[in-house]
Amino acid sequence: MKTALRIGGNKNNLLLLSVLILFGMVGFRMLYSDTVSYIFLMWNTFLASVPFAISEFMRNNKLSKFQNVFTALVCILFLPNALYLISDFEHLRERPPVPFFFDILLMFYAALIGLLLNILALRNLQLVIGRYFKTSFTHVLIASIILLSGFGVYLGRYLRWNSWDIVTHPKALLMECVYHSMHPNLFTYTWSVSIGYAFVLGFGYLFFTKMSQYEN
């Protein structure tokens, strides 16, 4: 138990350092260019950290079944924010006087952190869900969460919905989800984007899981 906590602490410290480095890169860019371009990466990275922090809390604390269900739903609700960082590449373009290579590295680094946070949050969720269900059903639930995360990126990037809109505007959000999922002129693009992002997350998660099993 002590070894597991020590490893978890080291992991969390490294993640915190990674996020602080990203914030430092954004801050340096702002000072160098005298603009606030890419400051959104700081907010998006913060949101990406939320599901990981929630999943770590679930994993390291003995909660009741009801508490785990509620906390897991909140975690799943925020999961797309981590994968969303990859979609921020759509903002990438040359913005002098900052060298273009710096912005490429900045965006890649942010996307990498987002993907890693997402994978680790999924791993924690799998461990918690595995306390209540068989392995096969747990895998089905994780696969469904991955697909929903891909759809969540579509909702956030192209329809501009936020995670908390499910509480503040549930009816409008649900209607737009159904509309874009089933409309013949939107169906193909909606699910192409959703499945595309889900594939990236799913493959990353599968690779991480297999590597962990190999090391063990």
C-alpha atoms as a PDB file:
ATOM      1  CA  MET A   1       0.000   0.000   0.000  1.00  0.00           C
ATOM      2  CA  LYS A   2       2.786   2.419   0.919  1.00  0.00           C
ATOM      3  CA  THR A   3       4.582   1.618  -2.341  1.00  0.00           C
ATOM      4  CA  ALA A   4       1.408   2.245  -4.349  1.00  0.00           C
ATOM      5  CA  LEU A   5       0.858   5.593  -2.606  1.00  0.00           C
ATOM      6  CA  ARG A   6       4.471   6.580  -3.209  1.00  0.00           C
ATOM      7  CA  ILE A   7       4.193   5.737  -6.927  1.00  0.00           C
ATOM      8  CA  GLY A   8       0.901   7.612  -7.149  1.00  0.00           C
ATOM      9  CA  GLY A   9       2.440  10.631  -5.435  1.00  0.00           C
ATOM     10  CA  ASN A  10       5.398  10.651  -7.806  1.00  0.00           C
ATOM     11  CA  LYS A  11       3.031  10.398 -10.768  1.00  0.00           C
ATOM     12  CA  ASN A  12       0.900  13.274  -9.543  1.00  0.00           C
ATOM     13  CA  ASN A  13       3.956  15.424  -8.860  1.00  0.00           C
ATOM     14  CA  LEU A  14       5.216  14.782 -12.375  1.00  0.00           C
ATOM     15  CA  LEU A  15       1.828  15.656 -13.848  1.00  0.00           C
ATOM     16  CA  LEU A  16       1.711  18.862 -11.812  1.00  0.00           C
ATOM     17  CA  LEU A  17       5.188  19.758 -13.015  1.00  0.00           C
ATOM     18  CA  SER A  18       4.135  19.082 -16.612  1.00  0.00           C
ATOM     19  CA  VAL A  19       1.140  21.390 -16.282  1.00  0.00           C
ATOM     20  CA  LEU A  20       3.249  24.115 -14.667  1.00  0.00           C
ATOM     21  CA  ILE A  21       5.764  23.858 -17.519  1.00  0.00           C
ATOM     22  CA  LEU A  22       2.906  24.334 -19.986  1.00  0.00           C
ATOM     23  CA  PHE A  23       1.687  27.378 -18.071  1.00  0.00           C
ATOM     24  CA  GLY A  24       5.239  28.699 -18.093  1.00  0.00           C
ATOM     25  CA  MET A  25       5.480  28.251 -21.857  1.00  0.00           C
ATOM     26  CA  VAL A  26       2.203  30.127 -22.356  1.00  0.00           C
ATOM     27  CA  GLY A  27       3.350  32.871 -19.977  1.00  0.00           C
ATOM     28  CA  PHE A  28       6.684  33.201 -21.772  1.00  0.00           C
ATOM     29  CA  ARG A  29       4.874  33.434 -25.098  1.00  0.00           C
ATOM     30  CA  MET A  30       2.615  36.191 -23.780  1.00  0.00           C
ATOM     31  CA  LEU A  31       5.594  38.217 -22.540  1.00  0.00           C
ATOM     32  CA  TYR A  32       7.603  37.671 -25.717  1.00  0.00           C
ATOM     33  CA  SER A  33       4.777  38.566 -28.105  1.00  0.00           C
ATOM     34  CA  ASP A  34       2.937  41.061 -25.883  1.00  0.00           C
ATOM     35  CA  THR A  35      -0.311  39.234 -26.788  1.00  0.00           C
ATOM     36  CA  VAL A  36      -2.601  36.776 -25.024  1.00  0.00           C
ATOM     37  CA  SER A  37      -2.668  34.266 -27.885  1.00  0.00           C
ATOM     38  CA  TYR A  38      -3.034  30.668 -26.671  1.00  0.00           C
ATOM     39  CA  ILE A  39      -3.903  31.739 -23.137  1.00  0.00           C
ATOM     40  CA  PHE A  40      -6.957  29.508 -23.585  1.00  0.00           C
ATOM     41  CA  LEU A  41      -4.598  26.532 -23.238  1.00  0.00           C
ATOM     42  CA  MET A  42      -4.252  27.324 -19.533  1.00  0.00           C
ATOM     43  CA  TRP A  43      -8.010  27.193 -18.932  1.00  0.00           C
ATOM     44  CA  ASN A  44      -8.456  24.110 -21.122  1.00  0.00           C
ATOM     45  CA  THR A  45      -5.637  22.326 -19.307  1.00  0.00           C
ATOM     46  CA  PHE A  46      -7.212  23.161 -15.972  1.00  0.00           C
ATOM     47  CA  LEU A  47     -10.512  21.656 -17.160  1.00  0.00           C
ATOM     48  CA  ALA A  48      -8.604  18.631 -18.462  1.00  0.00           C
ATOM     49  CA  SER A  49      -7.165  18.108 -14.978  1.00  0.00           C
ATOM     50  CA  VAL A  50     -10.585  18.005 -13.321  1.00  0.00           C
ATOM     51  CA  PRO A  51     -11.615  14.451 -14.352  1.00  0.00           C
ATOM     52  CA  PHE A  52      -8.197  13.086 -13.425  1.00  0.00           C
ATOM     53  CA  ALA A  53      -8.353  14.736 -10.000  1.00  0.00           C
ATOM     54  CA  ILE A  54     -11.859  13.363  -9.429  1.00  0.00           C
ATOM     55  CA  SER A  55     -10.850   9.859 -10.514  1.00  0.00           C
ATOM     56  CA  GLU A  56      -7.796   9.960  -8.232  1.00  0.00           C
ATOM     57  CA  PHE A  57     -10.066  10.887  -5.345  1.00  0.00           C
ATOM     58  CA  MET A  58     -12.360   7.965  -6.149  1.00  0.00           C
ATOM     59  CA  ARG A  59      -9.498   5.522  -6.443  1.00  0.00           C
ATOM     60  CA  ASN A  60      -7.757   6.509  -3.215  1.00  0.00           C
ATOM     61  CA  ASN A  61     -10.820   6.840  -0.971  1.00  0.00           C
ATOM     62  CA  LYS A  62     -13.399   4.306   0.158  1.00  0.00           C
ATOM     63  CA  LEU A  63     -16.684   5.810  -0.973  1.00  0.00           C
ATOM     64  CA  SER A  64     -20.139   4.303  -0.789  1.00  0.00           C
ATOM     65  CA  LYS A  65     -21.665   2.868  -3.948  1.00  0.00           C
ATOM     66  CA  PHE A  66     -23.930   5.891  -4.323  1.00  0.00           C
ATOM     67  CA  GLN A  67     -21.010   8.284  -3.836  1.00  0.00           C
ATOM     68  CA  ASN A  68     -18.948   6.401  -6.429  1.00  0.00           C
ATOM     69  CA  VAL A  69     -21.788   6.483  -8.961  1.00  0.00           C
ATOM     70  CA  PHE A  70     -22.369  10.215  -8.508  1.00  0.00           C
ATOM     71  CA  THR A  71     -18.653  11.045  -8.560  1.00  0.00           C
ATOM     72  CA  ALA A  72     -18.066   8.841 -11.613  1.00  0.00           C
ATOM     73  CA  LEU A  73     -20.842  10.621 -13.515  1.00  0.00           C
ATOM     74  CA  VAL A  74     -19.270  14.001 -12.745  1.00  0.00           C
ATOM     75  CA  CYS A  75     -15.887  12.646 -13.857  1.00  0.00           C
ATOM     76  CA  ILE A  76     -17.321  11.298 -17.122  1.00  0.00           C
ATOM     77  CA  LEU A  77     -19.049  14.628 -17.701  1.00  0.00           C
ATOM     78  CA  PHE A  78     -15.693  16.439 -17.619  1.00  0.00           C
ATOM     79  CA  LEU A  79     -13.667  13.771 -19.461  1.00  0.00           C
ATOM     80  CA  PRO A  80     -14.070  15.309 -22.948  1.00  0.00           C
ATOM     81  CA  ASN A  81     -12.234  18.410 -21.715  1.00  0.00           C
ATOM     82  CA  ALA A  82      -8.991  16.423 -21.624  1.00  0.00           C
ATOM     83  CA  LEU A  83      -9.421  15.066 -25.147  1.00  0.00           C
ATOM     84  CA  TYR A  84     -10.558  18.525 -26.258  1.00  0.00           C
ATOM     85  CA  LEU A  85      -6.975  19.810 -25.975  1.00  0.00           C
ATOM     86  CA  ILE A  86      -6.109  17.855 -29.140  1.00  0.00           C
ATOM     87  CA  SER A  87      -8.751  19.791 -31.058  1.00  0.00           C
ATOM     88  CA  ASP A  88      -7.019  23.052 -30.103  1.00  0.00           C
ATOM     89  CA  PHE A  89      -4.686  22.379 -33.035  1.00  0.00           C
ATOM     90  CA  GLU A  90      -7.399  24.073 -35.109  1.00  0.00           C
ATOM     91  CA  HIS A  91      -6.122  27.383 -33.706  1.00  0.00           C
ATOM     92  CA  LEU A  92      -2.570  26.725 -34.907  1.00  0.00           C
ATOM     93  CA  ARG A  93      -1.193  29.239 -37.406  1.00  0.00           C
ATOM     94  CA  GLU A  94       1.799  31.510 -37.677  1.00  0.00           C
ATOM     95  CA  ARG A  95       1.565  34.401 -35.233  1.00  0.00           C
ATOM     96  CA  PRO A  96       4.731  36.567 -35.478  1.00  0.00           C
ATOM     97  CA  PRO A  97       6.946  37.469 -33.761  1.00  0.00           C
ATOM     98  CA  VAL A  98       6.813  34.058 -32.066  1.00  0.00           C
ATOM     99  CA  PRO A  99       8.583  31.395 -34.158  1.00  0.00           C
ATOM    100  CA  PHE A 100       6.092  28.951 -35.632  1.00  0.00           C
ATOM    101  CA  PHE A 101       8.017  25.944 -34.311  1.00  0.00           C
ATOM    102  CA  PHE A 102       7.439  27.170 -30.744  1.00  0.00           C
ATOM    103  CA  ASP A 103       3.677  27.246 -31.250  1.00  0.00           C
ATOM    104  CA  ILE A 104       3.774  23.771 -32.793  1.00  0.00           C
ATOM    105  CA  LEU A 105       5.648  22.426 -29.766  1.00  0.00           C
ATOM    106  CA  LEU A 106       3.306  24.287 -27.413  1.00  0.00           C
ATOM    107  CA  MET A 107       0.173  22.837 -28.996  1.00  0.00           C
ATOM    108  CA  PHE A 108       1.654  19.350 -29.188  1.00  0.00           C
ATOM    109  CA  TYR A 109       2.743  19.466 -25.556  1.00  0.00           C
ATOM    110  CA  ALA A 110      -0.723  20.614 -24.439  1.00  0.00           C
ATOM    111  CA  ALA A 111      -2.405  17.877 -26.501  1.00  0.00           C
ATOM    112  CA  LEU A 112      -0.034  15.283 -25.043  1.00  0.00           C
ATOM    113  CA  ILE A 113      -0.842  16.361 -21.489  1.00  0.00           C
ATOM    114  CA  GLY A 114      -4.566  16.251 -22.264  1.00  0.00           C
ATOM    115  CA  LEU A 115      -4.341  12.747 -23.719  1.00  0.00           C
ATOM    116  CA  LEU A 116      -2.271  11.516 -20.781  1.00  0.00           C
ATOM    117  CA  LEU A 117      -4.699  12.989 -18.237  1.00  0.00           C
ATOM    118  CA  ASN A 118      -7.578  11.357 -20.080  1.00  0.00           C
ATOM    119  CA  ILE A 119      -5.901   7.951 -20.176  1.00  0.00           C
ATOM    120  CA  LEU A 120      -5.015   8.064 -16.473  1.00  0.00           C
ATOM    121  CA  ALA A 121      -8.544   9.143 -15.540  1.00  0.00           C
ATOM    122  CA  LEU A 122      -9.961   6.253 -17.556  1.00  0.00           C
ATOM    123  CA  ARG A 123      -7.595   3.855 -15.829  1.00  0.00           C
ATOM    124  CA  ASN A 124      -8.770   5.052 -12.433  1.00  0.00           C
ATOM    125  CA  LEU A 125     -12.403   4.737 -13.503  1.00  0.00           C
ATOM    126  CA  GLN A 126     -11.785   1.195 -14.707  1.00  0.00           C
ATOM    127  CA  LEU A 127     -10.282   0.240 -11.354  1.00  0.00           C
ATOM    128  CA  VAL A 128     -13.211   1.731  -9.452  1.00  0.00           C
ATOM    129  CA  ILE A 129     -15.859   0.240 -11.754  1.00  0.00           C
ATOM    130  CA  GLY A 130     -14.072  -3.105 -11.528  1.00  0.00           C
ATOM    131  CA  ARG A 131     -14.906  -3.234  -7.830  1.00  0.00           C
ATOM    132  CA  TYR A 132     -18.580  -3.748  -8.702  1.00  0.00           C
ATOM    133  CA  PHE A 133     -18.690  -5.473 -12.110  1.00  0.00           C
ATOM    134  CA  LYS A 134     -17.028  -8.305 -13.986  1.00  0.00           C
ATOM    135  CA  THR A 135     -14.044  -7.516 -16.189  1.00  0.00           C
ATOM    136  CA  SER A 136     -15.936  -8.013 -19.461  1.00  0.00           C
ATOM    137  CA  PHE A 137     -18.719  -5.598 -18.490  1.00  0.00           C
ATOM    138  CA  THR A 138     -16.182  -3.101 -17.171  1.00  0.00           C
ATOM    139  CA  HIS A 139     -14.473  -3.109 -20.573  1.00  0.00           C
ATOM    140  CA  VAL A 140     -17.810  -2.429 -22.279  1.00  0.00           C
ATOM    141  CA  LEU A 141     -18.450   0.520 -19.965  1.00  0.00           C
ATOM    142  CA  ILE A 142     -14.976   1.965 -20.581  1.00  0.00           C
ATOM    143  CA  ALA A 143     -15.414   1.600 -24.360  1.00  0.00           C
ATOM    144  CA  SER A 144     -18.758   3.423 -24.102  1.00  0.00           C
ATOM    145  CA  ILE A 145     -17.165   6.206 -22.038  1.00  0.00           C
ATOM    146  CA  ILE A 146     -14.427   6.575 -24.673  1.00  0.00           C
ATOM    147  CA  LEU A 147     -17.027   6.936 -27.430  1.00  0.00           C
ATOM    148  CA  LEU A 148     -18.990   9.455 -25.370  1.00  0.00           C
ATOM    149  CA  SER A 149     -15.771  11.416 -24.819  1.00  0.00           C
ATOM    150  CA  GLY A 150     -15.284  11.631 -28.585  1.00  0.00           C
ATOM    151  CA  PHE A 151     -18.848  12.866 -28.976  1.00  0.00           C
ATOM    152  CA  GLY A 152     -18.237  15.338 -26.174  1.00  0.00           C
ATOM    153  CA  VAL A 153     -15.337  16.853 -28.129  1.00  0.00           C
ATOM    154  CA  TYR A 154     -17.684  17.360 -31.083  1.00  0.00           C
ATOM    155  CA  LEU A 155     -20.230  19.054 -28.827  1.00  0.00           C
ATOM    156  CA  GLY A 156     -17.589  21.346 -27.352  1.00  0.00           C
ATOM    157  CA  ARG A 157     -15.526  22.181 -30.416  1.00  0.00           C
ATOM    158  CA  TYR A 158     -18.216  22.579 -33.074  1.00  0.00           C
ATOM    159  CA  LEU A 159     -21.435  23.222 -31.148  1.00  0.00           C
ATOM    160  CA  ARG A 160     -19.735  25.201 -28.331  1.00  0.00           C
ATOM    161  CA  TRP A 161     -21.388  23.382 -25.434  1.00  0.00           C
ATOM    162  CA  ASN A 162     -19.698  23.127 -22.033  1.00  0.00           C
ATOM    163  CA  SER A 163     -19.701  20.240 -19.535  1.00  0.00           C
ATOM    164  CA  TRP A 164     -21.865  22.188 -17.091  1.00  0.00           C
ATOM    165  CA  ASP A 165     -24.527  22.916 -19.709  1.00  0.00           C
ATOM    166  CA  ILE A 166     -26.058  19.521 -18.944  1.00  0.00           C
ATOM    167  CA  VAL A 167     -27.121  21.119 -15.646  1.00  0.00           C
ATOM    168  CA  THR A 168     -27.843  24.662 -16.804  1.00  0.00           C
ATOM    169  CA  HIS A 169     -29.433  23.870 -20.209  1.00  0.00           C
ATOM    170  CA  PRO A 170     -30.263  20.133 -20.185  1.00  0.00           C
ATOM    171  CA  LYS A 171     -33.240  20.234 -22.570  1.00  0.00           C
ATOM    172  CA  ALA A 172     -31.519  22.319 -25.261  1.00  0.00           C
ATOM    173  CA  LEU A 173     -28.371  20.199 -25.030  1.00  0.00           C
ATOM    174  CA  LEU A 174     -30.291  16.939 -25.317  1.00  0.00           C
ATOM    175  CA  MET A 175     -32.273  18.172 -28.320  1.00  0.00           C
ATOM    176  CA  GLU A 176     -29.115  19.266 -30.135  1.00  0.00           C
ATOM    177  CA  CYS A 177     -27.406  15.949 -29.346  1.00  0.00           C
ATOM    178  CA  VAL A 178     -30.295  14.029 -30.879  1.00  0.00           C
ATOM    179  CA  TYR A 179     -30.537  16.381 -33.849  1.00  0.00           C
ATOM    180  CA  HIS A 180     -26.857  16.194 -34.794  1.00  0.00           C
ATOM    181  CA  SER A 181     -26.684  12.452 -34.148  1.00  0.00           C
ATOM    182  CA  MET A 182     -29.608  11.572 -36.418  1.00  0.00           C
ATOM    183  CA  HIS A 183     -29.998  14.310 -39.038  1.00  0.00           C
ATOM    184  CA  PRO A 184     -29.030  12.825 -42.439  1.00  0.00           C
ATOM    185  CA  ASN A 185     -27.028  15.901 -43.458  1.00  0.00           C
ATOM    186  CA  LEU A 186     -25.088  16.013 -40.170  1.00  0.00           C
ATOM    187  CA  PHE A 187     -24.902  12.360 -39.153  1.00  0.00           C
ATOM    188  CA  THR A 188     -21.769  11.477 -41.130  1.00  0.00           C
ATOM    189  CA  TYR A 189     -19.678  14.421 -39.981  1.00  0.00           C
ATOM    190  CA  THR A 190     -20.893  14.217 -36.380  1.00  0.00           C
ATOM    191  CA  TRP A 191     -19.889  10.589 -35.977  1.00  0.00           C
ATOM    192  CA  SER A 192     -16.738  10.881 -38.079  1.00  0.00           C
ATOM    193  CA  VAL A 193     -15.423  13.491 -35.655  1.00  0.00           C
ATOM    194  CA  SER A 194     -16.672  11.611 -32.596  1.00  0.00           C
ATOM    195  CA  ILE A 195     -15.268   8.246 -33.649  1.00  0.00           C
ATOM    196  CA  GLY A 196     -12.015   9.843 -34.792  1.00  0.00           C
ATOM    197  CA  TYR A 197     -11.299  11.378 -31.399  1.00  0.00           C
ATOM    198  CA  ALA A 198     -12.564   8.260 -29.640  1.00  0.00           C
ATOM    199  CA  PHE A 199     -10.144   6.158 -31.699  1.00  0.00           C
ATOM    200  CA  VAL A 200      -7.168   8.277 -30.623  1.00  0.00           C
ATOM    201  CA  LEU A 201      -8.182   7.998 -26.964  1.00  0.00           C
ATOM    202  CA  GLY A 202      -9.059   4.317 -27.253  1.00  0.00           C
ATOM    203  CA  PHE A 203      -5.799   3.354 -28.910  1.00  0.00           C
ATOM    204  CA  GLY A 204      -3.799   5.390 -26.402  1.00  0.00           C
ATOM    205  CA  TYR A 205      -5.658   3.782 -23.525  1.00  0.00           C
ATOM    206  CA  LEU A 206      -5.207   0.279 -24.953  1.00  0.00           C
ATOM    207  CA  PHE A 207      -1.486   0.882 -25.486  1.00  0.00           C
ATOM    208  CA  PHE A 208      -1.082   2.236 -21.956  1.00  0.00           C
ATOM    209  CA  THR A 209      -3.002  -0.700 -20.458  1.00  0.00           C
ATOM    210  CA  LYS A 210      -1.006  -3.314 -22.357  1.00  0.00           C
ATOM    211  CA  MET A 211       2.294  -1.675 -21.439  1.00  0.00           C
ATOM    212  CA  SER A 212       1.271  -1.615 -17.777  1.00  0.00           C
ATOM    213  CA  GLN A 213       0.398  -5.321 -17.899  1.00  0.00           C
ATOM    214  CA  TYR A 214       3.690  -6.090 -19.625  1.00  0.00           C
ATOM    215  CA  GLU A 215       5.703  -4.260 -16.977  1.00  0.00           C
ATOM    216  CA  ASN A 216       3.840  -6.048 -14.199  1.00  0.00           C
END
